[in-house]
Amino acid sequence: MIDIETYVVNAFFVNNYLLIDNENKEIGVIDAPGLYPELEGLLSDGYRVKWIALTHGHIDHIAGLGEVVDLTNAQWYIHKNDLKYVEHAPKDMFASVLKIKEPPLNPVFYGEGDVLKIGDMSLKIIETPGHTPGGVSLYSEKYGVVFTGDTLFKLSVGRTDLPGGNFEILKDSIINKLYILPDNTVVFPGHGETTTIGFEKENNPFVRVG
């Protein structure tokens, strides 16, 4: 069984998710907002980061990528349409605030239908652009969870007023890619509290279909 642990990281309060396979002492990391004591503690205890999966390339979600990859030598994944954000990160206006270390430029690109595995959990990649052109969500049917990055939040959605954002595309992603998942699917967003697909379909004021 995989343990899902959530840590709120950096000045933008990003949810960093650790998918922990205690049997094999491996970790899947969703987004890389920073390095923090709990992750360092697992590494000190002999756990290995199997992969780092980026939901999108905005600086708050990749601020710790260089540091974590240097420490773990883990392979990292991103959609090809968002690599430009990672490349730009050291020149971003928030780079000094977030103490950006030059990010590694050896990604593996993933997209619709690709699968990442950790222990007995398989995570299917769902392309959910709109917040950024290369935004993705990661869905485990077995565990009934989806990690939505900044596409879908509890009672909210990702902003689309930044470069590359588009509300109509975001809305289409949510309705046709996320709202088709089972209603009891637990949503783990990039910021804020967890929710469920069914709750958002009925109550989300931005994209409601209930």
N, C-alpha and C. Protein backbone atom coordinates (compact mmCIF):
# COMPACT_ATOMS: atom_id res chain seq x y z
N MET A 1 0.84 -1.21 0.00
CA MET A 1 0.00 0.00 0.00
C MET A 1 0.87 1.26 0.00
N ILE A 2 0.38 2.27 -0.65
CA ILE A 2 1.07 3.55 -0.74
C ILE A 2 0.48 4.52 0.28
N ASP A 3 1.33 5.16 1.04
CA ASP A 3 0.92 6.24 1.93
C ASP A 3 1.05 7.56 1.18
N ILE A 4 0.01 8.38 1.25
CA ILE A 4 0.04 9.71 0.62
C ILE A 4 0.21 10.75 1.72
N GLU A 5 1.32 11.46 1.67
CA GLU A 5 1.58 12.50 2.65
C GLU A 5 1.64 13.86 1.95
N THR A 6 1.11 14.88 2.61
CA THR A 6 1.05 16.22 2.06
C THR A 6 1.87 17.17 2.91
N TYR A 7 2.72 17.97 2.25
CA TYR A 7 3.51 18.99 2.96
C TYR A 7 3.33 20.31 2.22
N VAL A 8 3.01 21.34 2.96
CA VAL A 8 2.82 22.68 2.37
C VAL A 8 4.15 23.39 2.40
N VAL A 9 4.60 23.82 1.22
CA VAL A 9 5.98 24.26 1.05
C VAL A 9 6.05 25.63 0.40
N ASN A 10 7.00 26.41 0.78
CA ASN A 10 7.44 27.71 0.27
C ASN A 10 6.40 28.82 0.48
N ALA A 11 6.77 30.02 0.05
CA ALA A 11 5.96 31.21 0.32
C ALA A 11 4.63 31.20 -0.40
N PHE A 12 4.47 30.30 -1.38
CA PHE A 12 3.22 30.21 -2.14
C PHE A 12 2.33 29.08 -1.64
N PHE A 13 2.71 28.45 -0.54
CA PHE A 13 1.90 27.40 0.10
C PHE A 13 1.49 26.31 -0.89
N VAL A 14 2.50 25.75 -1.55
CA VAL A 14 2.27 24.69 -2.52
C VAL A 14 2.15 23.35 -1.80
N ASN A 15 1.18 22.55 -2.19
CA ASN A 15 1.06 21.19 -1.67
C ASN A 15 2.06 20.28 -2.38
N ASN A 16 3.00 19.76 -1.61
CA ASN A 16 3.93 18.78 -2.15
C ASN A 16 3.48 17.40 -1.67
N TYR A 17 3.24 16.50 -2.61
CA TYR A 17 2.73 15.17 -2.27
C TYR A 17 3.84 14.14 -2.38
N LEU A 18 4.00 13.36 -1.32
CA LEU A 18 4.92 12.24 -1.31
C LEU A 18 4.10 10.96 -1.31
N LEU A 19 4.34 10.11 -2.30
CA LEU A 19 3.70 8.81 -2.38
C LEU A 19 4.73 7.79 -1.90
N ILE A 20 4.50 7.25 -0.74
CA ILE A 20 5.54 6.49 -0.05
C ILE A 20 5.25 4.99 -0.10
N ASP A 21 6.17 4.26 -0.68
CA ASP A 21 6.14 2.81 -0.74
C ASP A 21 7.09 2.30 0.34
N ASN A 22 6.53 1.99 1.51
CA ASN A 22 7.36 1.60 2.65
C ASN A 22 8.00 0.23 2.45
N GLU A 23 7.35 -0.63 1.70
CA GLU A 23 7.90 -1.97 1.48
C GLU A 23 9.22 -1.92 0.72
N ASN A 24 9.25 -1.08 -0.31
CA ASN A 24 10.46 -0.97 -1.15
C ASN A 24 11.29 0.26 -0.84
N LYS A 25 10.82 1.05 0.14
CA LYS A 25 11.52 2.28 0.55
C LYS A 25 11.77 3.20 -0.64
N GLU A 26 10.68 3.42 -1.41
CA GLU A 26 10.73 4.32 -2.55
C GLU A 26 9.66 5.40 -2.40
N ILE A 27 9.92 6.55 -3.03
CA ILE A 27 9.01 7.69 -2.95
C ILE A 27 8.74 8.22 -4.35
N GLY A 28 7.48 8.47 -4.65
CA GLY A 28 7.10 9.25 -5.82
C GLY A 28 6.78 10.65 -5.35
N VAL A 29 7.34 11.66 -6.00
CA VAL A 29 7.16 13.05 -5.58
C VAL A 29 6.36 13.80 -6.63
N ILE A 30 5.26 14.41 -6.21
CA ILE A 30 4.45 15.20 -7.14
C ILE A 30 4.69 16.67 -6.86
N ASP A 31 5.28 17.32 -7.86
CA ASP A 31 5.76 18.70 -7.83
C ASP A 31 7.00 18.82 -6.94
N ALA A 32 7.72 19.91 -7.11
CA ALA A 32 9.01 20.08 -6.42
C ALA A 32 9.16 21.50 -5.93
N PRO A 33 8.30 21.91 -4.98
CA PRO A 33 8.34 23.29 -4.51
C PRO A 33 9.50 23.61 -3.58
N GLY A 34 10.19 22.58 -3.06
CA GLY A 34 11.31 22.85 -2.17
C GLY A 34 11.76 21.58 -1.46
N LEU A 35 12.85 21.73 -0.74
CA LEU A 35 13.38 20.65 0.10
C LEU A 35 13.05 20.99 1.54
N TYR A 36 12.59 20.02 2.32
CA TYR A 36 12.13 20.30 3.67
C TYR A 36 12.48 19.11 4.57
N PRO A 37 12.43 19.32 5.90
CA PRO A 37 12.96 18.31 6.83
C PRO A 37 12.34 16.92 6.69
N GLU A 38 11.03 16.85 6.42
CA GLU A 38 10.39 15.54 6.36
C GLU A 38 10.91 14.73 5.18
N LEU A 39 11.11 15.37 4.04
CA LEU A 39 11.66 14.67 2.89
C LEU A 39 13.12 14.29 3.15
N GLU A 40 13.88 15.23 3.71
CA GLU A 40 15.27 14.92 4.04
C GLU A 40 15.36 13.76 5.04
N GLY A 41 14.41 13.70 5.97
CA GLY A 41 14.40 12.62 6.94
C GLY A 41 14.19 11.26 6.30
N LEU A 42 13.28 11.21 5.34
CA LEU A 42 13.05 9.95 4.63
C LEU A 42 14.30 9.52 3.86
N LEU A 43 14.95 10.48 3.24
CA LEU A 43 16.17 10.16 2.49
C LEU A 43 17.26 9.66 3.44
N SER A 44 17.35 10.28 4.61
CA SER A 44 18.34 9.85 5.61
C SER A 44 18.04 8.44 6.11
N ASP A 45 16.75 8.07 6.08
CA ASP A 45 16.35 6.74 6.53
C ASP A 45 16.49 5.69 5.43
N GLY A 46 17.04 6.08 4.29
CA GLY A 46 17.31 5.12 3.23
C GLY A 46 16.28 5.02 2.15
N TYR A 47 15.30 5.92 2.15
CA TYR A 47 14.31 5.93 1.08
C TYR A 47 14.92 6.55 -0.19
N ARG A 48 14.43 6.11 -1.33
CA ARG A 48 14.92 6.60 -2.62
C ARG A 48 13.77 7.24 -3.38
N VAL A 49 14.02 8.41 -3.96
CA VAL A 49 13.02 9.05 -4.80
C VAL A 49 13.05 8.37 -6.17
N LYS A 50 11.96 7.71 -6.51
CA LYS A 50 11.88 6.96 -7.76
C LYS A 50 11.68 7.90 -8.94
N TRP A 51 10.84 8.93 -8.74
CA TRP A 51 10.60 9.92 -9.79
C TRP A 51 9.98 11.17 -9.18
N ILE A 52 10.08 12.26 -9.95
CA ILE A 52 9.44 13.53 -9.62
C ILE A 52 8.52 13.87 -10.79
N ALA A 53 7.24 14.04 -10.51
CA ALA A 53 6.26 14.35 -11.55
C ALA A 53 5.76 15.78 -11.35
N LEU A 54 5.97 16.62 -12.35
CA LEU A 54 5.52 18.01 -12.27
C LEU A 54 4.15 18.16 -12.92
N THR A 55 3.20 18.72 -12.18
CA THR A 55 1.87 18.96 -12.74
C THR A 55 1.89 20.09 -13.76
N HIS A 56 2.80 21.03 -13.57
CA HIS A 56 3.00 22.13 -14.53
C HIS A 56 4.30 22.83 -14.17
N GLY A 57 4.66 23.84 -14.95
CA GLY A 57 5.98 24.41 -14.81
C GLY A 57 6.09 25.72 -14.06
N HIS A 58 5.03 26.21 -13.46
CA HIS A 58 5.12 27.50 -12.76
C HIS A 58 6.14 27.44 -11.63
N ILE A 59 6.78 28.57 -11.39
CA ILE A 59 7.94 28.63 -10.52
C ILE A 59 7.67 28.14 -9.10
N ASP A 60 6.45 28.39 -8.58
CA ASP A 60 6.18 27.96 -7.21
C ASP A 60 6.17 26.44 -7.08
N HIS A 61 5.87 25.75 -8.17
CA HIS A 61 5.80 24.29 -8.13
C HIS A 61 7.12 23.61 -8.49
N ILE A 62 8.06 24.37 -9.01
CA ILE A 62 9.34 23.77 -9.41
C ILE A 62 10.52 24.43 -8.70
N ALA A 63 10.24 25.24 -7.68
CA ALA A 63 11.29 26.02 -7.03
C ALA A 63 12.40 25.16 -6.45
N GLY A 64 12.07 23.96 -5.99
CA GLY A 64 13.08 23.09 -5.38
C GLY A 64 13.60 22.01 -6.31
N LEU A 65 13.25 22.08 -7.59
CA LEU A 65 13.60 20.99 -8.50
C LEU A 65 15.11 20.75 -8.56
N GLY A 66 15.88 21.82 -8.75
CA GLY A 66 17.32 21.66 -8.85
C GLY A 66 17.92 21.06 -7.60
N GLU A 67 17.46 21.53 -6.45
CA GLU A 67 17.98 21.05 -5.18
C GLU A 67 17.63 19.58 -4.94
N VAL A 68 16.38 19.22 -5.22
CA VAL A 68 15.93 17.85 -4.97
C VAL A 68 16.60 16.88 -5.95
N VAL A 69 16.70 17.28 -7.22
CA VAL A 69 17.35 16.39 -8.19
C VAL A 69 18.83 16.22 -7.87
N ASP A 70 19.50 17.30 -7.48
CA ASP A 70 20.92 17.20 -7.10
C ASP A 70 21.11 16.23 -5.94
N LEU A 71 20.18 16.25 -5.00
CA LEU A 71 20.31 15.42 -3.81
C LEU A 71 19.95 13.96 -4.08
N THR A 72 18.96 13.73 -4.96
CA THR A 72 18.42 12.38 -5.13
C THR A 72 18.79 11.73 -6.45
N ASN A 73 19.22 12.56 -7.42
CA ASN A 73 19.49 12.06 -8.78
C ASN A 73 18.26 11.42 -9.40
N ALA A 74 17.09 11.85 -8.99
CA ALA A 74 15.84 11.27 -9.49
C ALA A 74 15.50 11.80 -10.88
N GLN A 75 14.86 10.95 -11.67
CA GLN A 75 14.35 11.39 -12.97
C GLN A 75 13.11 12.25 -12.76
N TRP A 76 13.00 13.32 -13.54
CA TRP A 76 11.82 14.17 -13.40
C TRP A 76 11.07 14.26 -14.71
N TYR A 77 9.75 14.43 -14.57
CA TYR A 77 8.83 14.38 -15.70
C TYR A 77 8.04 15.68 -15.80
N ILE A 78 7.80 16.11 -17.03
CA ILE A 78 7.01 17.30 -17.28
C ILE A 78 6.42 17.19 -18.68
N HIS A 79 5.32 17.87 -18.92
CA HIS A 79 4.79 17.95 -20.29
C HIS A 79 5.68 18.90 -21.09
N LYS A 80 5.92 18.55 -22.33
CA LYS A 80 6.85 19.33 -23.15
C LYS A 80 6.43 20.79 -23.30
N ASN A 81 5.13 21.06 -23.24
CA ASN A 81 4.66 22.44 -23.43
C ASN A 81 4.96 23.35 -22.24
N ASP A 82 5.41 22.77 -21.14
CA ASP A 82 5.71 23.59 -19.95
C ASP A 82 7.20 23.67 -19.62
N LEU A 83 8.04 23.05 -20.42
CA LEU A 83 9.48 23.09 -20.13
C LEU A 83 9.99 24.53 -20.14
N LYS A 84 9.39 25.39 -20.96
CA LYS A 84 9.86 26.77 -21.06
C LYS A 84 9.78 27.50 -19.71
N TYR A 85 8.81 27.14 -18.89
CA TYR A 85 8.68 27.78 -17.58
C TYR A 85 9.85 27.38 -16.67
N VAL A 86 10.23 26.11 -16.73
CA VAL A 86 11.35 25.63 -15.93
C VAL A 86 12.64 26.31 -16.38
N GLU A 87 12.82 26.41 -17.67
CA GLU A 87 14.03 27.04 -18.21
C GLU A 87 14.12 28.50 -17.80
N HIS A 88 12.97 29.17 -17.68
CA HIS A 88 12.93 30.60 -17.35
C HIS A 88 13.06 30.86 -15.84
N ALA A 89 12.88 29.84 -15.03
CA ALA A 89 12.77 30.02 -13.57
C ALA A 89 13.89 30.86 -12.96
N PRO A 90 15.17 30.65 -13.30
CA PRO A 90 16.22 31.45 -12.66
C PRO A 90 16.12 32.94 -12.95
N LYS A 91 15.40 33.31 -14.01
CA LYS A 91 15.25 34.73 -14.37
C LYS A 91 13.92 35.30 -13.91
N ASP A 92 13.11 34.49 -13.27
CA ASP A 92 11.78 34.92 -12.82
C ASP A 92 11.91 35.95 -11.70
N MET A 93 10.92 36.84 -11.61
CA MET A 93 10.94 37.89 -10.60
C MET A 93 10.92 37.33 -9.17
N PHE A 94 10.43 36.10 -9.00
CA PHE A 94 10.38 35.49 -7.67
C PHE A 94 11.55 34.55 -7.41
N ALA A 95 12.52 34.50 -8.32
CA ALA A 95 13.63 33.55 -8.18
C ALA A 95 14.41 33.74 -6.89
N SER A 96 14.67 34.99 -6.53
CA SER A 96 15.45 35.24 -5.31
C SER A 96 14.64 34.91 -4.07
N VAL A 97 13.34 35.22 -4.10
CA VAL A 97 12.47 34.92 -2.95
C VAL A 97 12.44 33.42 -2.69
N LEU A 98 12.35 32.64 -3.77
CA LEU A 98 12.23 31.19 -3.65
C LEU A 98 13.59 30.48 -3.66
N LYS A 99 14.65 31.28 -3.76
CA LYS A 99 16.02 30.73 -3.74
C LYS A 99 16.21 29.65 -4.80
N ILE A 100 15.85 30.02 -6.02
CA ILE A 100 15.92 29.07 -7.13
C ILE A 100 17.36 28.67 -7.41
N LYS A 101 17.58 27.37 -7.47
CA LYS A 101 18.84 26.82 -7.92
C LYS A 101 18.68 26.45 -9.39
N GLU A 102 19.71 26.65 -10.18
CA GLU A 102 19.62 26.35 -11.62
C GLU A 102 19.01 24.97 -11.81
N PRO A 103 17.86 24.90 -12.51
CA PRO A 103 17.19 23.60 -12.64
C PRO A 103 17.91 22.69 -13.62
N PRO A 104 17.81 21.38 -13.40
CA PRO A 104 18.39 20.44 -14.35
C PRO A 104 17.56 20.44 -15.63
N LEU A 105 18.19 20.20 -16.75
CA LEU A 105 17.45 20.21 -18.02
C LEU A 105 17.55 18.84 -18.69
N ASN A 106 17.20 17.82 -17.91
CA ASN A 106 17.21 16.46 -18.44
C ASN A 106 15.87 15.78 -18.20
N PRO A 107 14.76 16.43 -18.58
CA PRO A 107 13.46 15.85 -18.26
C PRO A 107 13.11 14.68 -19.16
N VAL A 108 12.15 13.91 -18.70
CA VAL A 108 11.42 13.00 -19.58
C VAL A 108 10.05 13.64 -19.80
N PHE A 109 9.65 13.76 -21.04
CA PHE A 109 8.35 14.34 -21.34
C PHE A 109 7.27 13.27 -21.24
N TYR A 110 6.16 13.62 -20.61
CA TYR A 110 5.02 12.70 -20.60
C TYR A 110 3.78 13.42 -21.06
N GLY A 111 2.75 12.62 -21.39
CA GLY A 111 1.51 13.18 -21.90
C GLY A 111 0.37 12.20 -21.73
N GLU A 112 -0.73 12.51 -22.38
CA GLU A 112 -1.98 11.77 -22.24
C GLU A 112 -1.76 10.26 -22.33
N GLY A 113 -2.23 9.56 -21.29
CA GLY A 113 -2.21 8.11 -21.30
C GLY A 113 -0.94 7.46 -20.78
N ASP A 114 0.13 8.23 -20.60
CA ASP A 114 1.34 7.66 -20.01
C ASP A 114 1.07 7.28 -18.55
N VAL A 115 1.89 6.40 -18.01
CA VAL A 115 1.67 5.88 -16.66
C VAL A 115 2.97 5.93 -15.87
N LEU A 116 2.88 6.43 -14.65
CA LEU A 116 3.96 6.34 -13.68
C LEU A 116 3.54 5.37 -12.59
N LYS A 117 4.49 4.60 -12.08
CA LYS A 117 4.17 3.61 -11.06
C LYS A 117 5.04 3.81 -9.82
N ILE A 118 4.42 3.54 -8.69
CA ILE A 118 5.13 3.51 -7.41
C ILE A 118 4.45 2.44 -6.58
N GLY A 119 5.18 1.39 -6.21
CA GLY A 119 4.56 0.29 -5.50
C GLY A 119 3.41 -0.30 -6.30
N ASP A 120 2.24 -0.43 -5.64
CA ASP A 120 1.07 -0.97 -6.34
C ASP A 120 0.17 0.12 -6.90
N MET A 121 0.66 1.34 -6.94
CA MET A 121 -0.12 2.47 -7.49
C MET A 121 0.35 2.79 -8.90
N SER A 122 -0.60 2.84 -9.81
CA SER A 122 -0.33 3.31 -11.17
C SER A 122 -1.04 4.65 -11.36
N LEU A 123 -0.32 5.62 -11.84
CA LEU A 123 -0.86 6.97 -12.05
C LEU A 123 -0.91 7.25 -13.54
N LYS A 124 -2.12 7.43 -14.04
CA LYS A 124 -2.32 7.74 -15.45
C LYS A 124 -2.23 9.25 -15.66
N ILE A 125 -1.47 9.64 -16.65
CA ILE A 125 -1.33 11.06 -16.96
C ILE A 125 -2.52 11.52 -17.79
N ILE A 126 -3.17 12.59 -17.33
CA ILE A 126 -4.29 13.20 -18.04
C ILE A 126 -3.89 14.63 -18.39
N GLU A 127 -3.87 14.96 -19.66
CA GLU A 127 -3.54 16.33 -20.05
C GLU A 127 -4.70 17.25 -19.69
N THR A 128 -4.40 18.26 -18.84
CA THR A 128 -5.42 19.21 -18.40
C THR A 128 -4.90 20.64 -18.55
N PRO A 129 -4.69 21.08 -19.79
CA PRO A 129 -4.19 22.44 -20.00
C PRO A 129 -5.24 23.49 -19.66
N GLY A 130 -4.78 24.73 -19.62
CA GLY A 130 -5.66 25.86 -19.35
C GLY A 130 -5.01 26.82 -18.37
N HIS A 131 -4.55 26.29 -17.24
CA HIS A 131 -3.75 27.10 -16.31
C HIS A 131 -2.40 27.38 -16.96
N THR A 132 -1.83 26.34 -17.53
CA THR A 132 -0.65 26.44 -18.40
C THR A 132 -0.89 25.54 -19.60
N PRO A 133 -0.15 25.72 -20.70
CA PRO A 133 -0.36 24.88 -21.88
C PRO A 133 -0.06 23.41 -21.65
N GLY A 134 0.85 23.11 -20.70
CA GLY A 134 1.25 21.74 -20.47
C GLY A 134 0.83 21.19 -19.12
N GLY A 135 -0.23 21.70 -18.56
CA GLY A 135 -0.70 21.20 -17.29
C GLY A 135 -1.21 19.76 -17.39
N VAL A 136 -0.89 18.95 -16.38
CA VAL A 136 -1.39 17.58 -16.35
C VAL A 136 -1.95 17.27 -14.97
N SER A 137 -2.81 16.26 -14.93
CA SER A 137 -3.28 15.67 -13.68
C SER A 137 -2.85 14.21 -13.67
N LEU A 138 -2.73 13.64 -12.49
CA LEU A 138 -2.31 12.25 -12.34
C LEU A 138 -3.38 11.48 -11.59
N TYR A 139 -3.90 10.42 -12.21
CA TYR A 139 -5.07 9.72 -11.69
C TYR A 139 -4.77 8.27 -11.40
N SER A 140 -5.12 7.82 -10.20
CA SER A 140 -5.04 6.41 -9.83
C SER A 140 -6.45 5.88 -9.64
N GLU A 141 -6.86 5.01 -10.55
CA GLU A 141 -8.18 4.40 -10.43
C GLU A 141 -8.25 3.50 -9.20
N LYS A 142 -7.20 2.74 -8.96
CA LYS A 142 -7.18 1.81 -7.83
C LYS A 142 -7.34 2.54 -6.50
N TYR A 143 -6.65 3.64 -6.34
CA TYR A 143 -6.68 4.38 -5.08
C TYR A 143 -7.80 5.43 -5.04
N GLY A 144 -8.42 5.70 -6.18
CA GLY A 144 -9.51 6.67 -6.22
C GLY A 144 -9.07 8.08 -5.93
N VAL A 145 -7.90 8.46 -6.47
CA VAL A 145 -7.36 9.79 -6.22
C VAL A 145 -6.89 10.42 -7.52
N VAL A 146 -6.93 11.74 -7.57
CA VAL A 146 -6.37 12.47 -8.70
C VAL A 146 -5.63 13.70 -8.17
N PHE A 147 -4.43 13.90 -8.68
CA PHE A 147 -3.61 15.05 -8.31
C PHE A 147 -3.75 16.06 -9.44
N THR A 148 -4.36 17.21 -9.15
CA THR A 148 -4.79 18.13 -10.22
C THR A 148 -3.91 19.36 -10.38
N GLY A 149 -2.82 19.47 -9.62
CA GLY A 149 -2.00 20.67 -9.76
C GLY A 149 -2.84 21.91 -9.56
N ASP A 150 -2.67 22.90 -10.43
CA ASP A 150 -3.44 24.14 -10.31
C ASP A 150 -4.59 24.20 -11.32
N THR A 151 -5.07 23.04 -11.75
CA THR A 151 -6.24 23.01 -12.63
C THR A 151 -7.52 23.15 -11.85
N LEU A 152 -7.68 22.32 -10.82
CA LEU A 152 -8.93 22.30 -10.04
C LEU A 152 -8.60 22.34 -8.57
N PHE A 153 -9.26 23.27 -7.86
CA PHE A 153 -9.14 23.39 -6.41
C PHE A 153 -10.50 23.16 -5.77
N LYS A 154 -10.51 23.07 -4.45
CA LYS A 154 -11.80 23.04 -3.75
C LYS A 154 -12.51 24.38 -3.95
N LEU A 155 -13.65 24.32 -4.61
CA LEU A 155 -14.50 25.49 -4.87
C LEU A 155 -13.80 26.57 -5.69
N SER A 156 -12.79 26.19 -6.45
CA SER A 156 -12.09 27.16 -7.28
C SER A 156 -11.38 26.45 -8.42
N VAL A 157 -10.75 27.24 -9.27
CA VAL A 157 -9.96 26.71 -10.38
C VAL A 157 -8.69 27.53 -10.51
N GLY A 158 -7.76 27.03 -11.31
CA GLY A 158 -6.51 27.75 -11.51
C GLY A 158 -6.72 29.05 -12.26
N ARG A 159 -5.89 30.04 -11.95
CA ARG A 159 -5.99 31.33 -12.63
C ARG A 159 -5.54 31.18 -14.07
N THR A 160 -6.11 31.99 -14.93
CA THR A 160 -5.79 31.91 -16.36
C THR A 160 -5.35 33.25 -16.93
N ASP A 161 -4.99 34.18 -16.04
CA ASP A 161 -4.58 35.51 -16.49
C ASP A 161 -3.08 35.64 -16.64
N LEU A 162 -2.33 34.55 -16.42
CA LEU A 162 -0.89 34.56 -16.63
C LEU A 162 -0.59 34.10 -18.05
N PRO A 163 0.61 34.39 -18.57
CA PRO A 163 0.95 33.98 -19.93
C PRO A 163 0.74 32.48 -20.14
N GLY A 164 0.05 32.15 -21.21
CA GLY A 164 -0.24 30.75 -21.52
C GLY A 164 -1.55 30.25 -20.96
N GLY A 165 -2.21 31.06 -20.12
CA GLY A 165 -3.48 30.65 -19.53
C GLY A 165 -4.65 30.91 -20.45
N ASN A 166 -5.68 30.08 -20.34
CA ASN A 166 -6.88 30.24 -21.17
C ASN A 166 -8.05 29.59 -20.44
N PHE A 167 -9.03 30.41 -20.05
CA PHE A 167 -10.13 29.89 -19.24
C PHE A 167 -10.98 28.88 -19.99
N GLU A 168 -11.25 29.11 -21.25
CA GLU A 168 -12.09 28.17 -21.99
C GLU A 168 -11.42 26.81 -22.10
N ILE A 169 -10.11 26.81 -22.30
CA ILE A 169 -9.37 25.54 -22.35
C ILE A 169 -9.38 24.88 -20.98
N LEU A 170 -9.20 25.68 -19.92
CA LEU A 170 -9.24 25.15 -18.56
C LEU A 170 -10.60 24.52 -18.26
N LYS A 171 -11.64 25.23 -18.62
CA LYS A 171 -13.00 24.73 -18.38
C LYS A 171 -13.23 23.42 -19.12
N ASP A 172 -12.75 23.35 -20.35
CA ASP A 172 -12.90 22.12 -21.13
C ASP A 172 -12.13 20.97 -20.46
N SER A 173 -10.93 21.25 -19.96
CA SER A 173 -10.14 20.23 -19.28
C SER A 173 -10.89 19.69 -18.07
N ILE A 174 -11.47 20.59 -17.30
CA ILE A 174 -12.16 20.17 -16.08
C ILE A 174 -13.41 19.35 -16.40
N ILE A 175 -14.21 19.83 -17.35
CA ILE A 175 -15.47 19.14 -17.66
C ILE A 175 -15.23 17.81 -18.36
N ASN A 176 -14.32 17.80 -19.32
CA ASN A 176 -14.17 16.63 -20.18
C ASN A 176 -13.06 15.68 -19.77
N LYS A 177 -12.21 16.09 -18.82
CA LYS A 177 -11.13 15.22 -18.39
C LYS A 177 -11.26 14.84 -16.90
N LEU A 178 -11.69 15.78 -16.07
CA LEU A 178 -11.75 15.52 -14.63
C LEU A 178 -13.15 15.17 -14.14
N TYR A 179 -14.16 15.89 -14.61
CA TYR A 179 -15.51 15.62 -14.13
C TYR A 179 -16.07 14.30 -14.64
N ILE A 180 -15.38 13.64 -15.55
CA ILE A 180 -15.82 12.32 -16.00
C ILE A 180 -15.30 11.21 -15.08
N LEU A 181 -14.43 11.56 -14.15
CA LEU A 181 -13.95 10.58 -13.18
C LEU A 181 -15.06 10.27 -12.17
N PRO A 182 -15.00 9.12 -11.48
CA PRO A 182 -16.03 8.81 -10.50
C PRO A 182 -16.20 9.91 -9.46
N ASP A 183 -17.44 10.14 -9.05
CA ASP A 183 -17.74 11.23 -8.13
C ASP A 183 -16.98 11.13 -6.81
N ASN A 184 -16.67 9.91 -6.37
CA ASN A 184 -15.99 9.75 -5.08
C ASN A 184 -14.47 9.87 -5.19
N THR A 185 -13.96 10.20 -6.37
CA THR A 185 -12.52 10.40 -6.54
C THR A 185 -12.06 11.57 -5.69
N VAL A 186 -11.05 11.35 -4.87
CA VAL A 186 -10.51 12.41 -4.01
C VAL A 186 -9.55 13.27 -4.83
N VAL A 187 -9.76 14.57 -4.78
CA VAL A 187 -8.93 15.53 -5.51
C VAL A 187 -7.86 16.08 -4.57
N PHE A 188 -6.61 15.88 -4.94
CA PHE A 188 -5.47 16.47 -4.23
C PHE A 188 -4.95 17.63 -5.08
N PRO A 189 -5.28 18.86 -4.72
CA PRO A 189 -4.91 20.02 -5.56
C PRO A 189 -3.54 20.57 -5.23
N GLY A 190 -3.08 21.48 -6.07
CA GLY A 190 -1.77 22.09 -5.89
C GLY A 190 -1.70 23.07 -4.73
N HIS A 191 -2.84 23.55 -4.29
CA HIS A 191 -2.93 24.45 -3.14
C HIS A 191 -4.25 24.15 -2.43
N GLY A 192 -4.28 24.33 -1.13
CA GLY A 192 -5.53 24.23 -0.40
C GLY A 192 -5.93 22.81 -0.03
N GLU A 193 -7.21 22.69 0.35
CA GLU A 193 -7.74 21.44 0.90
C GLU A 193 -8.09 20.43 -0.19
N THR A 194 -8.17 19.16 0.23
CA THR A 194 -8.68 18.14 -0.67
C THR A 194 -10.19 18.32 -0.85
N THR A 195 -10.70 17.70 -1.92
CA THR A 195 -12.12 17.74 -2.20
C THR A 195 -12.46 16.47 -2.96
N THR A 196 -13.62 16.39 -3.57
CA THR A 196 -13.96 15.26 -4.42
C THR A 196 -14.52 15.77 -5.74
N ILE A 197 -14.45 14.91 -6.73
CA ILE A 197 -14.99 15.28 -8.04
C ILE A 197 -16.48 15.57 -7.94
N GLY A 198 -17.22 14.72 -7.23
CA GLY A 198 -18.65 14.93 -7.11
C GLY A 198 -19.02 16.24 -6.45
N PHE A 199 -18.28 16.61 -5.40
CA PHE A 199 -18.54 17.87 -4.71
C PHE A 199 -18.31 19.05 -5.65
N GLU A 200 -17.22 19.00 -6.41
CA GLU A 200 -16.91 20.12 -7.31
C GLU A 200 -17.92 20.23 -8.44
N LYS A 201 -18.37 19.12 -8.98
CA LYS A 201 -19.37 19.15 -10.05
C LYS A 201 -20.63 19.88 -9.62
N GLU A 202 -20.98 19.73 -8.35
CA GLU A 202 -22.22 20.32 -7.86
C GLU A 202 -22.02 21.72 -7.26
N ASN A 203 -20.82 22.03 -6.80
CA ASN A 203 -20.65 23.24 -6.00
C ASN A 203 -19.62 24.23 -6.50
N ASN A 204 -18.73 23.82 -7.40
CA ASN A 204 -17.69 24.75 -7.83
C ASN A 204 -18.31 25.91 -8.60
N PRO A 205 -18.15 27.15 -8.13
CA PRO A 205 -18.84 28.28 -8.77
C PRO A 205 -18.27 28.64 -10.15
N PHE A 206 -17.10 28.16 -10.48
CA PHE A 206 -16.48 28.50 -11.75
C PHE A 206 -16.82 27.49 -12.86
N VAL A 207 -16.88 26.22 -12.48
CA VAL A 207 -17.21 25.16 -13.45
C VAL A 207 -18.13 24.17 -12.73
N ARG A 208 -19.43 24.42 -12.83
CA ARG A 208 -20.40 23.57 -12.14
C ARG A 208 -21.29 22.90 -13.17
N VAL A 209 -21.51 21.60 -13.00
CA VAL A 209 -22.37 20.88 -13.94
C VAL A 209 -23.51 20.16 -13.23
N GLY A 210 -23.52 20.20 -11.88
CA GLY A 210 -24.54 19.49 -11.13
C GLY A 210 -25.87 20.23 -11.12
